[in-house]
Amino acid sequence: MNGNFYQNPTFPSNSTMTPTIPQSPPGNISSMSQLTMEQSFIENILRLNKGKRVNAYVSYPDSSEWQNKIYTGIIEEAGKDHLILSDPSNGNWYLIRMIYLDYVEFFEKINYSHNYSEKNF
């Protein structure tokens, strides 16, 4: 029915397959935790600035009511996919997905660490 468009795949027999040994990533990186510490991901920068007051600018492209929103608060936690802010002025806590985060405005110097050296901007 499908003519010659689809053909069953052929696989090598077990006798011709050789086991593959997983290799370590290039460079001298011994663990994944070291890898994430060496790269300046946004969540690492936010973690270095826990306790600081910020404005988080967020866009919700699929929402007609909340297309753009600004959350003001203290950085409590940050992960690969989220940011948690607390607002002491009203007692609210916000869990913001990183996918919607546009940028963060700080009101004081930013702590920044790249390759284990402390820098302030």
PDB file of N, CA and C in Angstrom:
ATOM      1  N   MET A   1       0.813  -1.192   0.000  1.00  0.00           N
ATOM      2  CA  MET A   1       0.000   0.000   0.000  1.00  0.00           C
ATOM      3  C   MET A   1       0.856   1.254   0.000  1.00  0.00           C
ATOM      4  N   ASN A   2       1.980   1.223   0.711  1.00  0.00           N
ATOM      5  CA  ASN A   2       2.810   2.417   0.735  1.00  0.00           C
ATOM      6  C   ASN A   2       3.894   2.395  -0.336  1.00  0.00           C
ATOM      7  N   GLY A   3       3.839   1.453  -1.218  1.00  0.00           N
ATOM      8  CA  GLY A   3       4.829   1.392  -2.294  1.00  0.00           C
ATOM      9  C   GLY A   3       6.216   1.155  -1.742  1.00  0.00           C
ATOM     10  N   ASN A   4       7.155   1.928  -2.207  1.00  0.00           N
ATOM     11  CA  ASN A   4       8.544   1.783  -1.768  1.00  0.00           C
ATOM     12  C   ASN A   4       8.952   2.854  -0.767  1.00  0.00           C
ATOM     13  N   PHE A   5       7.997   3.565  -0.191  1.00  0.00           N
ATOM     14  CA  PHE A   5       8.336   4.663   0.708  1.00  0.00           C
ATOM     15  C   PHE A   5       8.833   4.185   2.064  1.00  0.00           C
ATOM     16  N   TYR A   6       8.345   3.060   2.527  1.00  0.00           N
ATOM     17  CA  TYR A   6       8.747   2.580   3.847  1.00  0.00           C
ATOM     18  C   TYR A   6       9.316   1.186   3.720  1.00  0.00           C
ATOM     19  N   GLN A   7      10.477   1.001   4.297  1.00  0.00           N
ATOM     20  CA  GLN A   7      11.084  -0.316   4.313  1.00  0.00           C
ATOM     21  C   GLN A   7      11.401  -0.670   5.746  1.00  0.00           C
ATOM     22  N   ASN A   8      11.248  -1.920   6.076  1.00  0.00           N
ATOM     23  CA  ASN A   8      11.585  -2.355   7.429  1.00  0.00           C
ATOM     24  C   ASN A   8      13.077  -2.167   7.666  1.00  0.00           C
ATOM     25  N   PRO A   9      13.440  -1.600   8.817  1.00  0.00           N
ATOM     26  CA  PRO A   9      14.865  -1.418   9.092  1.00  0.00           C
ATOM     27  C   PRO A   9      15.543  -2.755   9.333  1.00  0.00           C
ATOM     28  N   THR A  10      16.805  -2.822   9.023  1.00  0.00           N
ATOM     29  CA  THR A  10      17.577  -4.028   9.299  1.00  0.00           C
ATOM     30  C   THR A  10      18.579  -3.716  10.382  1.00  0.00           C
ATOM     31  N   PHE A  11      18.762  -4.642  11.275  1.00  0.00           N
ATOM     32  CA  PHE A  11      19.662  -4.449  12.401  1.00  0.00           C
ATOM     33  C   PHE A  11      20.762  -5.498  12.336  1.00  0.00           C
ATOM     34  N   PRO A  12      21.964  -5.142  12.761  1.00  0.00           N
ATOM     35  CA  PRO A  12      23.033  -6.139  12.765  1.00  0.00           C
ATOM     36  C   PRO A  12      22.744  -7.205  13.807  1.00  0.00           C
ATOM     37  N   SER A  13      23.241  -8.394  13.565  1.00  0.00           N
ATOM     38  CA  SER A  13      23.038  -9.470  14.536  1.00  0.00           C
ATOM     39  C   SER A  13      23.936  -9.238  15.744  1.00  0.00           C
ATOM     40  N   ASN A  14      23.616  -9.896  16.846  1.00  0.00           N
ATOM     41  CA  ASN A  14      24.382  -9.734  18.083  1.00  0.00           C
ATOM     42  C   ASN A  14      25.840 -10.146  17.918  1.00  0.00           C
ATOM     43  N   SER A  15      26.133 -11.039  16.995  1.00  0.00           N
ATOM     44  CA  SER A  15      27.504 -11.514  16.847  1.00  0.00           C
ATOM     45  C   SER A  15      28.422 -10.446  16.274  1.00  0.00           C
ATOM     46  N   THR A  16      27.869  -9.474  15.539  1.00  0.00           N
ATOM     47  CA  THR A  16      28.723  -8.436  14.965  1.00  0.00           C
ATOM     48  C   THR A  16      28.790  -7.195  15.833  1.00  0.00           C
ATOM     49  N   MET A  17      27.934  -7.124  16.850  1.00  0.00           N
ATOM     50  CA  MET A  17      27.927  -5.933  17.709  1.00  0.00           C
ATOM     51  C   MET A  17      28.995  -6.067  18.789  1.00  0.00           C
ATOM     52  N   THR A  18      29.697  -4.987  19.030  1.00  0.00           N
ATOM     53  CA  THR A  18      30.667  -4.961  20.119  1.00  0.00           C
ATOM     54  C   THR A  18      30.149  -4.012  21.188  1.00  0.00           C
ATOM     55  N   PRO A  19      30.365  -4.338  22.456  1.00  0.00           N
ATOM     56  CA  PRO A  19      29.870  -3.459  23.501  1.00  0.00           C
ATOM     57  C   PRO A  19      30.610  -2.119  23.475  1.00  0.00           C
ATOM     58  N   THR A  20      29.853  -1.060  23.747  1.00  0.00           N
ATOM     59  CA  THR A  20      30.470   0.264  23.808  1.00  0.00           C
ATOM     60  C   THR A  20      30.686   0.635  25.256  1.00  0.00           C
ATOM     61  N   ILE A  21      31.792   1.261  25.498  1.00  0.00           N
ATOM     62  CA  ILE A  21      32.143   1.693  26.848  1.00  0.00           C
ATOM     63  C   ILE A  21      31.897   3.188  26.931  1.00  0.00           C
ATOM     64  N   PRO A  22      31.079   3.640  27.903  1.00  0.00           N
ATOM     65  CA  PRO A  22      30.834   5.074  28.013  1.00  0.00           C
ATOM     66  C   PRO A  22      32.136   5.805  28.298  1.00  0.00           C
ATOM     67  N   GLN A  23      32.309   6.909  27.625  1.00  0.00           N
ATOM     68  CA  GLN A  23      33.515   7.692  27.822  1.00  0.00           C
ATOM     69  C   GLN A  23      33.181   8.954  28.588  1.00  0.00           C
ATOM     70  N   SER A  24      34.164   9.455  29.318  1.00  0.00           N
ATOM     71  CA  SER A  24      33.953  10.684  30.080  1.00  0.00           C
ATOM     72  C   SER A  24      33.899  11.860  29.120  1.00  0.00           C
ATOM     73  N   PRO A  25      33.234  12.949  29.535  1.00  0.00           N
ATOM     74  CA  PRO A  25      33.147  14.115  28.665  1.00  0.00           C
ATOM     75  C   PRO A  25      34.536  14.689  28.412  1.00  0.00           C
ATOM     76  N   PRO A  26      34.715  15.430  27.315  1.00  0.00           N
ATOM     77  CA  PRO A  26      36.019  15.997  27.014  1.00  0.00           C
ATOM     78  C   PRO A  26      36.464  16.965  28.101  1.00  0.00           C
ATOM     79  N   GLY A  27      37.736  17.117  28.232  1.00  0.00           N
ATOM     80  CA  GLY A  27      38.278  18.020  29.240  1.00  0.00           C
ATOM     81  C   GLY A  27      38.559  17.275  30.523  1.00  0.00           C
ATOM     82  N   ASN A  28      38.821  18.021  31.551  1.00  0.00           N
ATOM     83  CA  ASN A  28      39.185  17.426  32.837  1.00  0.00           C
ATOM     84  C   ASN A  28      38.073  17.648  33.849  1.00  0.00           C
ATOM     85  N   ILE A  29      36.853  17.273  33.517  1.00  0.00           N
ATOM     86  CA  ILE A  29      35.710  17.477  34.400  1.00  0.00           C
ATOM     87  C   ILE A  29      35.390  16.147  35.057  1.00  0.00           C
ATOM     88  N   SER A  30      35.407  16.118  36.382  1.00  0.00           N
ATOM     89  CA  SER A  30      35.218  14.849  37.076  1.00  0.00           C
ATOM     90  C   SER A  30      33.777  14.569  37.441  1.00  0.00           C
ATOM     91  N   SER A  31      32.920  15.579  37.514  1.00  0.00           N
ATOM     92  CA  SER A  31      31.524  15.332  37.863  1.00  0.00           C
ATOM     93  C   SER A  31      30.629  16.393  37.248  1.00  0.00           C
ATOM     94  N   MET A  32      29.333  16.075  37.159  1.00  0.00           N
ATOM     95  CA  MET A  32      28.388  17.030  36.590  1.00  0.00           C
ATOM     96  C   MET A  32      28.204  18.246  37.482  1.00  0.00           C
ATOM     97  N   SER A  33      28.333  18.087  38.807  1.00  0.00           N
ATOM     98  CA  SER A  33      28.181  19.243  39.690  1.00  0.00           C
ATOM     99  C   SER A  33      29.296  20.242  39.447  1.00  0.00           C
ATOM    100  N   GLN A  34      30.482  19.764  39.151  1.00  0.00           N
ATOM    101  CA  GLN A  34      31.583  20.657  38.844  1.00  0.00           C
ATOM    102  C   GLN A  34      31.314  21.371  37.529  1.00  0.00           C
ATOM    103  N   LEU A  35      30.724  20.682  36.565  1.00  0.00           N
ATOM    104  CA  LEU A  35      30.406  21.286  35.282  1.00  0.00           C
ATOM    105  C   LEU A  35      29.448  22.445  35.453  1.00  0.00           C
ATOM    106  N   THR A  36      28.383  22.267  36.249  1.00  0.00           N
ATOM    107  CA  THR A  36      27.411  23.345  36.406  1.00  0.00           C
ATOM    108  C   THR A  36      27.987  24.505  37.203  1.00  0.00           C
ATOM    109  N   MET A  37      28.933  24.254  38.083  1.00  0.00           N
ATOM    110  CA  MET A  37      29.552  25.341  38.837  1.00  0.00           C
ATOM    111  C   MET A  37      30.486  26.163  37.945  1.00  0.00           C
ATOM    112  N   GLU A  38      31.065  25.550  36.922  1.00  0.00           N
ATOM    113  CA  GLU A  38      31.999  26.264  36.078  1.00  0.00           C
ATOM    114  C   GLU A  38      31.293  27.115  35.030  1.00  0.00           C
ATOM    115  N   GLN A  39      30.056  26.814  34.711  1.00  0.00           N
ATOM    116  CA  GLN A  39      29.340  27.572  33.710  1.00  0.00           C
ATOM    117  C   GLN A  39      28.424  28.570  34.396  1.00  0.00           C
ATOM    118  N   SER A  40      28.284  29.753  33.815  1.00  0.00           N
ATOM    119  CA  SER A  40      27.502  30.802  34.453  1.00  0.00           C
ATOM    120  C   SER A  40      26.048  30.755  34.003  1.00  0.00           C
ATOM    121  N   PHE A  41      25.340  29.727  34.463  1.00  0.00           N
ATOM    122  CA  PHE A  41      23.917  29.634  34.194  1.00  0.00           C
ATOM    123  C   PHE A  41      23.181  30.671  35.033  1.00  0.00           C
ATOM    124  N   ILE A  42      22.023  31.092  34.560  1.00  0.00           N
ATOM    125  CA  ILE A  42      21.245  32.106  35.263  1.00  0.00           C
ATOM    126  C   ILE A  42      20.910  31.655  36.678  1.00  0.00           C
ATOM    127  N   GLU A  43      20.534  30.384  36.850  1.00  0.00           N
ATOM    128  CA  GLU A  43      20.161  29.943  38.198  1.00  0.00           C
ATOM    129  C   GLU A  43      21.337  30.011  39.155  1.00  0.00           C
ATOM    130  N   ASN A  44      22.558  29.778  38.665  1.00  0.00           N
ATOM    131  CA  ASN A  44      23.731  29.892  39.536  1.00  0.00           C
ATOM    132  C   ASN A  44      23.953  31.344  39.958  1.00  0.00           C
ATOM    133  N   ILE A  45      23.762  32.277  39.041  1.00  0.00           N
ATOM    134  CA  ILE A  45      23.910  33.696  39.366  1.00  0.00           C
ATOM    135  C   ILE A  45      22.837  34.110  40.361  1.00  0.00           C
ATOM    136  N   LEU A  46      21.605  33.648  40.165  1.00  0.00           N
ATOM    137  CA  LEU A  46      20.533  33.985  41.101  1.00  0.00           C
ATOM    138  C   LEU A  46      20.808  33.385  42.477  1.00  0.00           C
ATOM    139  N   ARG A  47      21.330  32.160  42.531  1.00  0.00           N
ATOM    140  CA  ARG A  47      21.667  31.540  43.827  1.00  0.00           C
ATOM    141  C   ARG A  47      22.736  32.330  44.562  1.00  0.00           C
ATOM    142  N   LEU A  48      23.705  32.854  43.824  1.00  0.00           N
ATOM    143  CA  LEU A  48      24.761  33.659  44.445  1.00  0.00           C
ATOM    144  C   LEU A  48      24.217  34.967  45.019  1.00  0.00           C
ATOM    145  N   ASN A  49      23.022  35.342  44.602  1.00  0.00           N
ATOM    146  CA  ASN A  49      22.427  36.595  45.041  1.00  0.00           C
ATOM    147  C   ASN A  49      21.187  36.393  45.906  1.00  0.00           C
ATOM    148  N   LYS A  50      21.109  35.242  46.571  1.00  0.00           N
ATOM    149  CA  LYS A  50      19.998  34.989  47.501  1.00  0.00           C
ATOM    150  C   LYS A  50      19.947  36.095  48.539  1.00  0.00           C
ATOM    151  N   GLY A  51      18.724  36.487  48.877  1.00  0.00           N
ATOM    152  CA  GLY A  51      18.535  37.507  49.897  1.00  0.00           C
ATOM    153  C   GLY A  51      18.497  38.922  49.358  1.00  0.00           C
ATOM    154  N   LYS A  52      18.754  39.101  48.080  1.00  0.00           N
ATOM    155  CA  LYS A  52      18.734  40.450  47.489  1.00  0.00           C
ATOM    156  C   LYS A  52      17.357  40.748  46.913  1.00  0.00           C
ATOM    157  N   ARG A  53      16.987  42.019  47.001  1.00  0.00           N
ATOM    158  CA  ARG A  53      15.714  42.489  46.456  1.00  0.00           C
ATOM    159  C   ARG A  53      15.874  42.721  44.962  1.00  0.00           C
ATOM    160  N   VAL A  54      14.889  42.228  44.179  1.00  0.00           N
ATOM    161  CA  VAL A  54      14.952  42.333  42.719  1.00  0.00           C
ATOM    162  C   VAL A  54      13.577  42.603  42.134  1.00  0.00           C
ATOM    163  N   ASN A  55      13.579  43.026  40.902  1.00  0.00           N
ATOM    164  CA  ASN A  55      12.390  43.018  40.054  1.00  0.00           C
ATOM    165  C   ASN A  55      12.606  41.930  39.020  1.00  0.00           C
ATOM    166  N   ALA A  56      11.677  41.002  38.920  1.00  0.00           N
ATOM    167  CA  ALA A  56      11.740  39.950  37.912  1.00  0.00           C
ATOM    168  C   ALA A  56      10.716  40.292  36.836  1.00  0.00           C
ATOM    169  N   TYR A  57      11.189  40.501  35.617  1.00  0.00           N
ATOM    170  CA  TYR A  57      10.333  40.848  34.494  1.00  0.00           C
ATOM    171  C   TYR A  57       9.972  39.555  33.762  1.00  0.00           C
ATOM    172  N   VAL A  58       8.670  39.298  33.667  1.00  0.00           N
ATOM    173  CA  VAL A  58       8.169  38.027  33.167  1.00  0.00           C
ATOM    174  C   VAL A  58       7.173  38.290  32.041  1.00  0.00           C
ATOM    175  N   SER A  59       7.201  37.451  31.013  1.00  0.00           N
ATOM    176  CA  SER A  59       6.240  37.528  29.910  1.00  0.00           C
ATOM    177  C   SER A  59       5.508  36.207  29.778  1.00  0.00           C
ATOM    178  N   TYR A  60       4.185  36.308  29.687  1.00  0.00           N
ATOM    179  CA  TYR A  60       3.332  35.140  29.456  1.00  0.00           C
ATOM    180  C   TYR A  60       2.701  35.326  28.079  1.00  0.00           C
ATOM    181  N   PRO A  61       3.324  34.830  27.029  1.00  0.00           N
ATOM    182  CA  PRO A  61       2.861  35.130  25.670  1.00  0.00           C
ATOM    183  C   PRO A  61       1.470  34.590  25.338  1.00  0.00           C
ATOM    184  N   ASP A  62       1.029  33.542  26.017  1.00  0.00           N
ATOM    185  CA  ASP A  62      -0.278  32.969  25.708  1.00  0.00           C
ATOM    186  C   ASP A  62      -1.409  33.573  26.524  1.00  0.00           C
ATOM    187  N   SER A  63      -1.115  34.536  27.397  1.00  0.00           N
ATOM    188  CA  SER A  63      -2.138  35.123  28.251  1.00  0.00           C
ATOM    189  C   SER A  63      -2.528  36.507  27.749  1.00  0.00           C
ATOM    190  N   SER A  64      -3.812  36.742  27.663  1.00  0.00           N
ATOM    191  CA  SER A  64      -4.269  38.075  27.258  1.00  0.00           C
ATOM    192  C   SER A  64      -4.351  39.015  28.456  1.00  0.00           C
ATOM    193  N   GLU A  65      -4.505  38.472  29.659  1.00  0.00           N
ATOM    194  CA  GLU A  65      -4.614  39.288  30.863  1.00  0.00           C
ATOM    195  C   GLU A  65      -3.254  39.666  31.457  1.00  0.00           C
ATOM    196  N   TRP A  66      -2.315  38.723  31.445  1.00  0.00           N
ATOM    197  CA  TRP A  66      -1.024  38.923  32.100  1.00  0.00           C
ATOM    198  C   TRP A  66       0.113  38.785  31.110  1.00  0.00           C
ATOM    199  N   GLN A  67       0.067  39.482  30.007  1.00  0.00           N
ATOM    200  CA  GLN A  67       1.121  39.324  29.006  1.00  0.00           C
ATOM    201  C   GLN A  67       2.492  39.663  29.582  1.00  0.00           C
ATOM    202  N   ASN A  68       2.612  40.776  30.273  1.00  0.00           N
ATOM    203  CA  ASN A  68       3.866  41.193  30.896  1.00  0.00           C
ATOM    204  C   ASN A  68       3.592  41.525  32.351  1.00  0.00           C
ATOM    205  N   LYS A  69       4.466  41.050  33.237  1.00  0.00           N
ATOM    206  CA  LYS A  69       4.262  41.266  34.662  1.00  0.00           C
ATOM    207  C   LYS A  69       5.618  41.476  35.325  1.00  0.00           C
ATOM    208  N   ILE A  70       5.639  42.284  36.371  1.00  0.00           N
ATOM    209  CA  ILE A  70       6.847  42.517  37.154  1.00  0.00           C
ATOM    210  C   ILE A  70       6.590  42.018  38.565  1.00  0.00           C
ATOM    211  N   TYR A  71       7.443  41.114  39.034  1.00  0.00           N
ATOM    212  CA  TYR A  71       7.384  40.621  40.408  1.00  0.00           C
ATOM    213  C   TYR A  71       8.524  41.267  41.176  1.00  0.00           C
ATOM    214  N   THR A  72       8.207  41.890  42.311  1.00  0.00           N
ATOM    215  CA  THR A  72       9.216  42.489  43.166  1.00  0.00           C
ATOM    216  C   THR A  72       9.326  41.645  44.421  1.00  0.00           C
ATOM    217  N   GLY A  73      10.556  41.318  44.793  1.00  0.00           N
ATOM    218  CA  GLY A  73      10.721  40.528  46.002  1.00  0.00           C
ATOM    219  C   GLY A  73      12.162  40.173  46.271  1.00  0.00           C
ATOM    220  N   ILE A  74      12.346  39.342  47.273  1.00  0.00           N
ATOM    221  CA  ILE A  74      13.653  38.874  47.712  1.00  0.00           C
ATOM    222  C   ILE A  74      13.892  37.495  47.095  1.00  0.00           C
ATOM    223  N   ILE A  75      15.089  37.277  46.552  1.00  0.00           N
ATOM    224  CA  ILE A  75      15.420  35.961  46.002  1.00  0.00           C
ATOM    225  C   ILE A  75      15.555  34.979  47.154  1.00  0.00           C
ATOM    226  N   GLU A  76      14.704  33.963  47.144  1.00  0.00           N
ATOM    227  CA  GLU A  76      14.754  32.921  48.170  1.00  0.00           C
ATOM    228  C   GLU A  76      15.483  31.680  47.652  1.00  0.00           C
ATOM    229  N   GLU A  77      15.134  31.235  46.447  1.00  0.00           N
ATOM    230  CA  GLU A  77      15.736  30.042  45.841  1.00  0.00           C
ATOM    231  C   GLU A  77      15.709  30.197  44.325  1.00  0.00           C
ATOM    232  N   ALA A  78      16.583  29.426  43.665  1.00  0.00           N
ATOM    233  CA  ALA A  78      16.584  29.379  42.206  1.00  0.00           C
ATOM    234  C   ALA A  78      17.006  27.985  41.774  1.00  0.00           C
ATOM    235  N   GLY A  79      16.320  27.469  40.778  1.00  0.00           N
ATOM    236  CA  GLY A  79      16.646  26.161  40.231  1.00  0.00           C
ATOM    237  C   GLY A  79      16.756  26.264  38.729  1.00  0.00           C
ATOM    238  N   LYS A  80      16.973  25.142  38.089  1.00  0.00           N
ATOM    239  CA  LYS A  80      17.125  25.150  36.635  1.00  0.00           C
ATOM    240  C   LYS A  80      15.881  25.655  35.930  1.00  0.00           C
ATOM    241  N   ASP A  81      14.711  25.407  36.522  1.00  0.00           N
ATOM    242  CA  ASP A  81      13.487  25.786  35.835  1.00  0.00           C
ATOM    243  C   ASP A  81      12.605  26.743  36.626  1.00  0.00           C
ATOM    244  N   HIS A  82      13.079  27.258  37.763  1.00  0.00           N
ATOM    245  CA  HIS A  82      12.216  28.119  38.564  1.00  0.00           C
ATOM    246  C   HIS A  82      13.006  29.142  39.394  1.00  0.00           C
ATOM    247  N   LEU A  83      12.295  30.177  39.812  1.00  0.00           N
ATOM    248  CA  LEU A  83      12.806  31.208  40.704  1.00  0.00           C
ATOM    249  C   LEU A  83      11.743  31.431  41.771  1.00  0.00           C
ATOM    250  N   ILE A  84      12.157  31.467  43.036  1.00  0.00           N
ATOM    251  CA  ILE A  84      11.221  31.723  44.124  1.00  0.00           C
ATOM    252  C   ILE A  84      11.564  33.072  44.750  1.00  0.00           C
ATOM    253  N   LEU A  85      10.571  33.961  44.771  1.00  0.00           N
ATOM    254  CA  LEU A  85      10.709  35.278  45.385  1.00  0.00           C
ATOM    255  C   LEU A  85       9.718  35.402  46.528  1.00  0.00           C
ATOM    256  N   SER A  86      10.113  36.147  47.564  1.00  0.00           N
ATOM    257  CA  SER A  86       9.172  36.499  48.628  1.00  0.00           C
ATOM    258  C   SER A  86       9.075  38.016  48.668  1.00  0.00           C
ATOM    259  N   ASP A  87       7.871  38.509  48.884  1.00  0.00           N
ATOM    260  CA  ASP A  87       7.645  39.954  48.960  1.00  0.00           C
ATOM    261  C   ASP A  87       7.258  40.310  50.389  1.00  0.00           C
ATOM    262  N   PRO A  88       8.213  40.856  51.173  1.00  0.00           N
ATOM    263  CA  PRO A  88       7.925  41.164  52.574  1.00  0.00           C
ATOM    264  C   PRO A  88       6.869  42.264  52.761  1.00  0.00           C
ATOM    265  N   SER A  89       6.635  43.076  51.737  1.00  0.00           N
ATOM    266  CA  SER A  89       5.659  44.157  51.878  1.00  0.00           C
ATOM    267  C   SER A  89       4.229  43.645  51.961  1.00  0.00           C
ATOM    268  N   ASN A  90       3.961  42.481  51.341  1.00  0.00           N
ATOM    269  CA  ASN A  90       2.597  41.947  51.378  1.00  0.00           C
ATOM    270  C   ASN A  90       2.538  40.487  51.835  1.00  0.00           C
ATOM    271  N   GLY A  91       3.702  39.879  52.092  1.00  0.00           N
ATOM    272  CA  GLY A  91       3.736  38.499  52.562  1.00  0.00           C
ATOM    273  C   GLY A  91       3.563  37.448  51.473  1.00  0.00           C
ATOM    274  N   ASN A  92       3.495  37.868  50.218  1.00  0.00           N
ATOM    275  CA  ASN A  92       3.315  36.918  49.112  1.00  0.00           C
ATOM    276  C   ASN A  92       4.629  36.245  48.737  1.00  0.00           C
ATOM    277  N   TRP A  93       4.509  35.029  48.259  1.00  0.00           N
ATOM    278  CA  TRP A  93       5.632  34.268  47.714  1.00  0.00           C
ATOM    279  C   TRP A  93       5.288  33.937  46.271  1.00  0.00           C
ATOM    280  N   TYR A  94       6.293  33.982  45.403  1.00  0.00           N
ATOM    281  CA  TYR A  94       6.068  33.735  43.985  1.00  0.00           C
ATOM    282  C   TYR A  94       6.990  32.626  43.501  1.00  0.00           C
ATOM    283  N   LEU A  95       6.413  31.676  42.781  1.00  0.00           N
ATOM    284  CA  LEU A  95       7.158  30.633  42.094  1.00  0.00           C
ATOM    285  C   LEU A  95       7.057  30.953  40.609  1.00  0.00           C
ATOM    286  N   ILE A  96       8.180  31.351  40.027  1.00  0.00           N
ATOM    287  CA  ILE A  96       8.209  31.810  38.637  1.00  0.00           C
ATOM    288  C   ILE A  96       8.977  30.801  37.805  1.00  0.00           C
ATOM    289  N   ARG A  97       8.382  30.363  36.732  1.00  0.00           N
ATOM    290  CA  ARG A  97       9.077  29.434  35.830  1.00  0.00           C
ATOM    291  C   ARG A  97      10.091  30.211  34.997  1.00  0.00           C
ATOM    292  N   MET A  98      11.306  29.675  34.903  1.00  0.00           N
ATOM    293  CA  MET A  98      12.384  30.347  34.171  1.00  0.00           C
ATOM    294  C   MET A  98      12.049  30.564  32.701  1.00  0.00           C
ATOM    295  N   ILE A  99      11.218  29.704  32.147  1.00  0.00           N
ATOM    296  CA  ILE A  99      10.877  29.824  30.729  1.00  0.00           C
ATOM    297  C   ILE A  99      10.189  31.166  30.448  1.00  0.00           C
ATOM    298  N   TYR A 100       9.529  31.736  31.458  1.00  0.00           N
ATOM    299  CA  TYR A 100       8.828  33.003  31.282  1.00  0.00           C
ATOM    300  C   TYR A 100       9.654  34.209  31.718  1.00  0.00           C
ATOM    301  N   LEU A 101      10.788  33.984  32.364  1.00  0.00           N
ATOM    302  CA  LEU A 101      11.619  35.069  32.885  1.00  0.00           C
ATOM    303  C   LEU A 101      12.367  35.754  31.752  1.00  0.00           C
ATOM    304  N   ASP A 102      12.179  37.086  31.637  1.00  0.00           N
ATOM    305  CA  ASP A 102      12.885  37.862  30.617  1.00  0.00           C
ATOM    306  C   ASP A 102      14.226  38.361  31.154  1.00  0.00           C
ATOM    307  N   TYR A 103      14.170  39.063  32.284  1.00  0.00           N
ATOM    308  CA  TYR A 103      15.393  39.540  32.918  1.00  0.00           C
ATOM    309  C   TYR A 103      15.109  39.915  34.358  1.00  0.00           C
ATOM    310  N   VAL A 104      16.186  40.125  35.110  1.00  0.00           N
ATOM    311  CA  VAL A 104      16.088  40.453  36.531  1.00  0.00           C
ATOM    312  C   VAL A 104      16.816  41.765  36.768  1.00  0.00           C
ATOM    313  N   GLU A 105      16.156  42.675  37.473  1.00  0.00           N
ATOM    314  CA  GLU A 105      16.747  43.964  37.825  1.00  0.00           C
ATOM    315  C   GLU A 105      17.157  43.927  39.293  1.00  0.00           C
ATOM    316  N   PHE A 106      18.437  44.190  39.558  1.00  0.00           N
ATOM    317  CA  PHE A 106      18.958  44.218  40.926  1.00  0.00           C
ATOM    318  C   PHE A 106      19.072  45.661  41.392  1.00  0.00           C
ATOM    319  N   PHE A 107      18.960  45.865  42.701  1.00  0.00           N
ATOM    320  CA  PHE A 107      19.051  47.199  43.273  1.00  0.00           C
ATOM    321  C   PHE A 107      20.369  47.415  44.003  1.00  0.00           C
ATOM    322  N   GLU A 108      21.266  46.467  43.905  1.00  0.00           N
ATOM    323  CA  GLU A 108      22.600  46.567  44.494  1.00  0.00           C
ATOM    324  C   GLU A 108      23.558  45.750  43.636  1.00  0.00           C
ATOM    325  N   LYS A 109      24.831  45.744  43.999  1.00  0.00           N
ATOM    326  CA  LYS A 109      25.832  45.010  43.225  1.00  0.00           C
ATOM    327  C   LYS A 109      25.465  43.533  43.120  1.00  0.00           C
ATOM    328  N   ILE A 110      25.777  42.959  41.974  1.00  0.00           N
ATOM    329  CA  ILE A 110      25.493  41.551  41.719  1.00  0.00           C
ATOM    330  C   ILE A 110      26.717  40.722  42.084  1.00  0.00           C
ATOM    331  N   ASN A 111      26.501  39.653  42.850  1.00  0.00           N
ATOM    332  CA  ASN A 111      27.562  38.674  43.082  1.00  0.00           C
ATOM    333  C   ASN A 111      27.593  37.754  41.877  1.00  0.00           C
ATOM    334  N   TYR A 112      28.777  37.586  41.315  1.00  0.00           N
ATOM    335  CA  TYR A 112      28.931  36.762  40.129  1.00  0.00           C
ATOM    336  C   TYR A 112      30.191  35.929  40.275  1.00  0.00           C
ATOM    337  N   SER A 113      30.061  34.634  40.035  1.00  0.00           N
ATOM    338  CA  SER A 113      31.212  33.744  40.131  1.00  0.00           C
ATOM    339  C   SER A 113      31.306  32.931  38.855  1.00  0.00           C
ATOM    340  N   HIS A 114      32.468  32.984  38.229  1.00  0.00           N
ATOM    341  CA  HIS A 114      32.729  32.190  37.028  1.00  0.00           C
ATOM    342  C   HIS A 114      34.126  31.619  37.167  1.00  0.00           C
ATOM    343  N   ASN A 115      34.237  30.318  37.000  1.00  0.00           N
ATOM    344  CA  ASN A 115      35.512  29.611  37.191  1.00  0.00           C
ATOM    345  C   ASN A 115      36.056  29.830  38.591  1.00  0.00           C
ATOM    346  N   TYR A 116      35.163  29.805  39.572  1.00  0.00           N
ATOM    347  CA  TYR A 116      35.515  29.870  40.985  1.00  0.00           C
ATOM    348  C   TYR A 116      36.178  31.184  41.400  1.00  0.00           C
ATOM    349  N   SER A 117      36.039  32.245  40.643  1.00  0.00           N
ATOM    350  CA  SER A 117      36.584  33.527  41.071  1.00  0.00           C
ATOM    351  C   SER A 117      35.435  34.479  41.331  1.00  0.00           C
ATOM    352  N   GLU A 118      35.447  35.157  42.454  1.00  0.00           N
ATOM    353  CA  GLU A 118      34.364  36.075  42.808  1.00  0.00           C
ATOM    354  C   GLU A 118      34.549  37.392  42.080  1.00  0.00           C
ATOM    355  N   LYS A 119      33.474  37.905  41.519  1.00  0.00           N
ATOM    356  CA  LYS A 119      33.494  39.197  40.853  1.00  0.00           C
ATOM    357  C   LYS A 119      32.233  39.939  41.260  1.00  0.00           C
ATOM    358  N   ASN A 120      32.320  41.236  41.354  1.00  0.00           N
ATOM    359  CA  ASN A 120      31.150  42.074  41.610  1.00  0.00           C
ATOM    360  C   ASN A 120      31.015  43.063  40.457  1.00  0.00           C
ATOM    361  N   PHE A 121      29.787  43.291  40.019  1.00  0.00           N
ATOM    362  CA  PHE A 121      29.540  44.238  38.941  1.00  0.00           C
ATOM    363  C   PHE A 121      28.715  45.386  39.484  1.00  0.00           C
TER     364      PHE A 121
END
